[in-house]
C-alpha atoms as a PDB file:
ATOM      1  CA  MET A   1    -101.819-103.523 -65.331  1.00  0.00           C
ATOM      2  CA  LYS A   2     -98.519-103.181 -67.203  1.00  0.00           C
ATOM      3  CA  THR A   3     -99.731-105.744 -69.731  1.00  0.00           C
ATOM      4  CA  LEU A   4    -102.940-103.799 -70.319  1.00  0.00           C
ATOM      5  CA  ILE A   5    -100.961-100.580 -70.778  1.00  0.00           C
ATOM      6  CA  TRP A   6     -98.718-102.236 -73.373  1.00  0.00           C
ATOM      7  CA  ILE A   7    -101.740-103.683 -75.161  1.00  0.00           C
ATOM      8  CA  ALA A   8    -103.231-100.171 -75.397  1.00  0.00           C
ATOM      9  CA  LYS A   9     -99.907 -98.802 -76.666  1.00  0.00           C
ATOM     10  CA  ILE A  10     -99.583-101.503 -79.305  1.00  0.00           C
ATOM     11  CA  VAL A  11    -103.203-101.342 -80.475  1.00  0.00           C
ATOM     12  CA  ALA A  12    -103.125 -97.539 -80.856  1.00  0.00           C
ATOM     13  CA  SER A  13     -99.723 -97.674 -82.556  1.00  0.00           C
ATOM     14  CA  VAL A  14    -100.666-100.429 -84.991  1.00  0.00           C
ATOM     15  CA  ILE A  15    -103.838 -98.594 -86.023  1.00  0.00           C
ATOM     16  CA  PHE A  16    -101.960 -95.302 -86.468  1.00  0.00           C
ATOM     17  CA  LEU A  17     -99.139 -96.979 -88.412  1.00  0.00           C
ATOM     18  CA  GLN A  18    -101.540 -98.930 -90.619  1.00  0.00           C
ATOM     19  CA  THR A  19    -103.257 -95.729 -91.725  1.00  0.00           C
ATOM     20  CA  LEU A  20     -99.930 -94.073 -92.570  1.00  0.00           C
ATOM     21  CA  TYR A  21     -99.499 -96.239 -95.629  1.00  0.00           C
ATOM     22  CA  PHE A  22    -102.767 -94.967 -97.064  1.00  0.00           C
ATOM     23  CA  LYS A  23    -102.068 -91.349 -96.146  1.00  0.00           C
ATOM     24  CA  PHE A  24     -98.494 -91.207 -97.422  1.00  0.00           C
ATOM     25  CA  THR A  25     -99.135 -93.113-100.663  1.00  0.00           C
ATOM     26  CA  GLY A  26    -102.174 -91.011-101.566  1.00  0.00           C
ATOM     27  CA  ALA A  27    -104.523 -93.978-101.568  1.00  0.00           C
ATOM     28  CA  GLU A  28    -107.925 -93.320-103.110  1.00  0.00           C
ATOM     29  CA  GLU A  29    -109.768 -93.616 -99.773  1.00  0.00           C
ATOM     30  CA  SER A  30    -107.505 -91.118 -98.029  1.00  0.00           C
ATOM     31  CA  VAL A  31    -107.639 -88.652-100.889  1.00  0.00           C
ATOM     32  CA  TYR A  32    -111.441 -88.956-100.903  1.00  0.00           C
ATOM     33  CA  ILE A  33    -111.686 -88.309 -97.150  1.00  0.00           C
ATOM     34  CA  PHE A  34    -109.408 -85.301 -97.107  1.00  0.00           C
ATOM     35  CA  SER A  35    -110.885 -83.892-100.322  1.00  0.00           C
ATOM     36  CA  THR A  36    -114.339 -84.137 -98.750  1.00  0.00           C
ATOM     37  CA  LEU A  37    -112.980 -82.256 -95.738  1.00  0.00           C
ATOM     38  CA  GLY A  38    -111.406 -79.654 -98.049  1.00  0.00           C
ATOM     39  CA  ILE A  39    -107.873 -80.177 -96.739  1.00  0.00           C
ATOM     40  CA  GLU A  40    -106.269 -82.427 -99.363  1.00  0.00           C
ATOM     41  CA  PRO A  41    -103.237 -82.933 -99.555  1.00  0.00           C
ATOM     42  CA  TYR A  42    -101.939 -80.907 -96.606  1.00  0.00           C
ATOM     43  CA  GLY A  43    -104.412 -82.283 -94.075  1.00  0.00           C
ATOM     44  CA  ARG A  44    -103.710 -85.853 -95.172  1.00  0.00           C
ATOM     45  CA  ILE A  45     -99.942 -85.495 -94.970  1.00  0.00           C
ATOM     46  CA  GLY A  46    -100.041 -83.334 -91.823  1.00  0.00           C
ATOM     47  CA  SER A  47    -102.262 -85.744 -89.936  1.00  0.00           C
ATOM     48  CA  GLY A  48    -100.030 -88.608 -91.070  1.00  0.00           C
ATOM     49  CA  ILE A  49     -96.963 -86.857 -89.673  1.00  0.00           C
ATOM     50  CA  ALA A  50     -98.791 -86.135 -86.399  1.00  0.00           C
ATOM     51  CA  GLU A  51     -99.847 -89.796 -86.159  1.00  0.00           C
ATOM     52  CA  LEU A  52     -96.283 -90.963 -86.799  1.00  0.00           C
ATOM     53  CA  ILE A  53     -94.946 -88.668 -84.066  1.00  0.00           C
ATOM     54  CA  ALA A  54     -97.708 -89.776 -81.679  1.00  0.00           C
ATOM     55  CA  THR A  55     -96.905 -93.440 -82.364  1.00  0.00           C
ATOM     56  CA  ILE A  56     -93.212 -93.032 -81.674  1.00  0.00           C
ATOM     57  CA  LEU A  57     -93.889 -91.112 -78.459  1.00  0.00           C
ATOM     58  CA  ILE A  58     -96.525 -93.599 -77.278  1.00  0.00           C
ATOM     59  CA  LEU A  59     -94.070 -96.481 -77.552  1.00  0.00           C
ATOM     60  CA  ILE A  60     -91.348 -94.744 -75.500  1.00  0.00           C
ATOM     61  CA  PRO A  61     -92.316 -95.122 -71.820  1.00  0.00           C
ATOM     62  CA  ARG A  62     -90.975 -91.702 -70.830  1.00  0.00           C
ATOM     63  CA  THR A  63     -93.011 -89.925 -73.532  1.00  0.00           C
ATOM     64  CA  THR A  64     -96.178 -92.023 -73.558  1.00  0.00           C
ATOM     65  CA  LEU A  65     -98.289 -89.226 -72.059  1.00  0.00           C
ATOM     66  CA  LEU A  66     -97.257 -86.718 -74.723  1.00  0.00           C
ATOM     67  CA  GLY A  67     -97.809 -89.246 -77.512  1.00  0.00           C
ATOM     68  CA  ALA A  68    -101.218 -90.215 -76.171  1.00  0.00           C
ATOM     69  CA  LEU A  69    -102.245 -86.542 -75.918  1.00  0.00           C
ATOM     70  CA  ILE A  70    -101.172 -85.938 -79.527  1.00  0.00           C
ATOM     71  CA  GLY A  71    -102.958 -89.121 -80.551  1.00  0.00           C
ATOM     72  CA  LEU A  72    -106.121 -87.991 -78.750  1.00  0.00           C
ATOM     73  CA  GLY A  73    -105.991 -84.697 -80.601  1.00  0.00           C
ATOM     74  CA  VAL A  74    -105.595 -86.302 -84.001  1.00  0.00           C
ATOM     75  CA  ILE A  75    -108.209 -88.978 -83.428  1.00  0.00           C
ATOM     76  CA  THR A  76    -110.694 -86.495 -81.962  1.00  0.00           C
ATOM     77  CA  GLY A  77    -110.438 -84.586 -85.234  1.00  0.00           C
ATOM     78  CA  ALA A  78    -111.077 -87.809 -87.127  1.00  0.00           C
ATOM     79  CA  LEU A  79    -114.120 -88.631 -85.000  1.00  0.00           C
ATOM     80  CA  LEU A  80    -115.552 -85.127 -85.382  1.00  0.00           C
ATOM     81  CA  SER A  81    -115.067 -85.442 -89.133  1.00  0.00           C
ATOM     82  CA  HIS A  82    -117.028 -88.690 -89.082  1.00  0.00           C
ATOM     83  CA  PHE A  83    -119.800 -87.206 -86.947  1.00  0.00           C
ATOM     84  CA  PHE A  84    -120.280 -83.963 -88.851  1.00  0.00           C
ATOM     85  CA  VAL A  85    -119.013 -84.438 -92.419  1.00  0.00           C
ATOM     86  CA  LEU A  86    -118.135 -87.955 -93.512  1.00  0.00           C
ATOM     87  CA  GLY A  87    -120.692 -90.053 -91.678  1.00  0.00           C
ATOM     88  CA  ILE A  88    -120.045 -93.339 -89.916  1.00  0.00           C
ATOM     89  CA  GLU A  89    -119.595 -95.284 -93.153  1.00  0.00           C
ATOM     90  CA  VAL A  90    -117.072 -93.976 -95.687  1.00  0.00           C
ATOM     91  CA  GLN A  91    -117.079 -95.389 -99.209  1.00  0.00           C
ATOM     92  CA  ASN A  92    -118.963 -98.524 -98.177  1.00  0.00           C
ATOM     93  CA  ASP A  93    -116.401 -99.559 -95.544  1.00  0.00           C
ATOM     94  CA  GLY A  94    -119.119-100.725 -93.165  1.00  0.00           C
ATOM     95  CA  GLY A  95    -117.933 -98.227 -90.558  1.00  0.00           C
ATOM     96  CA  THR A  96    -114.493 -99.809 -90.228  1.00  0.00           C
ATOM     97  CA  LEU A  97    -112.590 -96.503 -90.145  1.00  0.00           C
ATOM     98  CA  PHE A  98    -115.004 -95.131 -87.564  1.00  0.00           C
ATOM     99  CA  ILE A  99    -114.658 -98.230 -85.357  1.00  0.00           C
ATOM    100  CA  LEU A 100    -110.851 -98.061 -85.603  1.00  0.00           C
ATOM    101  CA  ALA A 101    -111.001 -94.386 -84.622  1.00  0.00           C
ATOM    102  CA  ILE A 102    -113.125 -95.230 -81.564  1.00  0.00           C
ATOM    103  CA  ILE A 103    -110.698 -97.986 -80.536  1.00  0.00           C
ATOM    104  CA  THR A 104    -107.715 -95.656 -80.974  1.00  0.00           C
ATOM    105  CA  PHE A 105    -109.465 -92.903 -79.006  1.00  0.00           C
ATOM    106  CA  LEU A 106    -110.173 -95.312 -76.134  1.00  0.00           C
ATOM    107  CA  CYS A 107    -106.576 -96.589 -76.110  1.00  0.00           C
ATOM    108  CA  CYS A 108    -105.118 -93.057 -76.078  1.00  0.00           C
ATOM    109  CA  ALA A 109    -107.585 -91.908 -73.389  1.00  0.00           C
ATOM    110  CA  PHE A 110    -106.640 -94.933 -71.268  1.00  0.00           C
ATOM    111  CA  LEU A 111    -102.935 -94.128 -71.697  1.00  0.00           C
ATOM    112  CA  VAL A 112    -103.500 -90.493 -70.689  1.00  0.00           C
ATOM    113  CA  PHE A 113    -105.441 -91.643 -67.628  1.00  0.00           C
ATOM    114  CA  GLN A 114    -102.730 -94.129 -66.672  1.00  0.00           C
ATOM    115  CA  ASN A 115    -100.064 -91.416 -66.991  1.00  0.00           C
ATOM    116  CA  LYS A 116    -102.036 -88.545 -65.440  1.00  0.00           C
ATOM    117  CA  ASN A 117     -99.533 -88.300 -62.586  1.00  0.00           C
ATOM    118  CA  LYS A 118     -96.915 -87.178 -65.158  1.00  0.00           C
ATOM    119  CA  ILE A 119     -98.930 -84.148 -66.287  1.00  0.00           C
ATOM    120  CA  PRO A 120     -97.082 -81.748 -63.919  1.00  0.00           C
ATOM    121  CA  ASP A 121     -93.764 -82.935 -65.408  1.00  0.00           C
ATOM    122  CA  LEU A 122     -95.099 -82.373 -68.928  1.00  0.00           C
ATOM    123  CA  LEU A 123     -96.113 -78.815 -68.029  1.00  0.00           C
ATOM    124  CA  LYS A 124     -92.559 -78.056 -66.863  1.00  0.00           C
ATOM    125  CA  LEU A 125     -91.045 -78.871 -70.271  1.00  0.00           C
ATOM    126  CA  LYS A 126     -89.431 -75.956 -72.035  1.00  0.00           C
ATOM    127  CA  PHE A 127     -89.361 -75.912 -75.799  1.00  0.00           C
END
């Protein structure tokens, strides 16, 4: 099971990190997506920062639950954007971004499920 957990961590992290390049460099595809959503550039940069934080937290065993929850939040927003605004296929990508979002969602959901026993500890955190 530990191997499967690490595979989920790595897959989610690699997908999040791969998209950061496009978000932080202002790549045409990212600008198009966030312009279509009406939240360019702040939504693009903000979601990139949230994904970076989620990735770091996912990879640290003690904070995996928090990272996966943040990742679920970000990727749920991406999926809702695909469902209601962008469509499955964005700029003739054959649905690649949508498929990556589904994979990331499943990995983060799996990580939350695997760490569900840590939820009471997370609720005790004081910020």
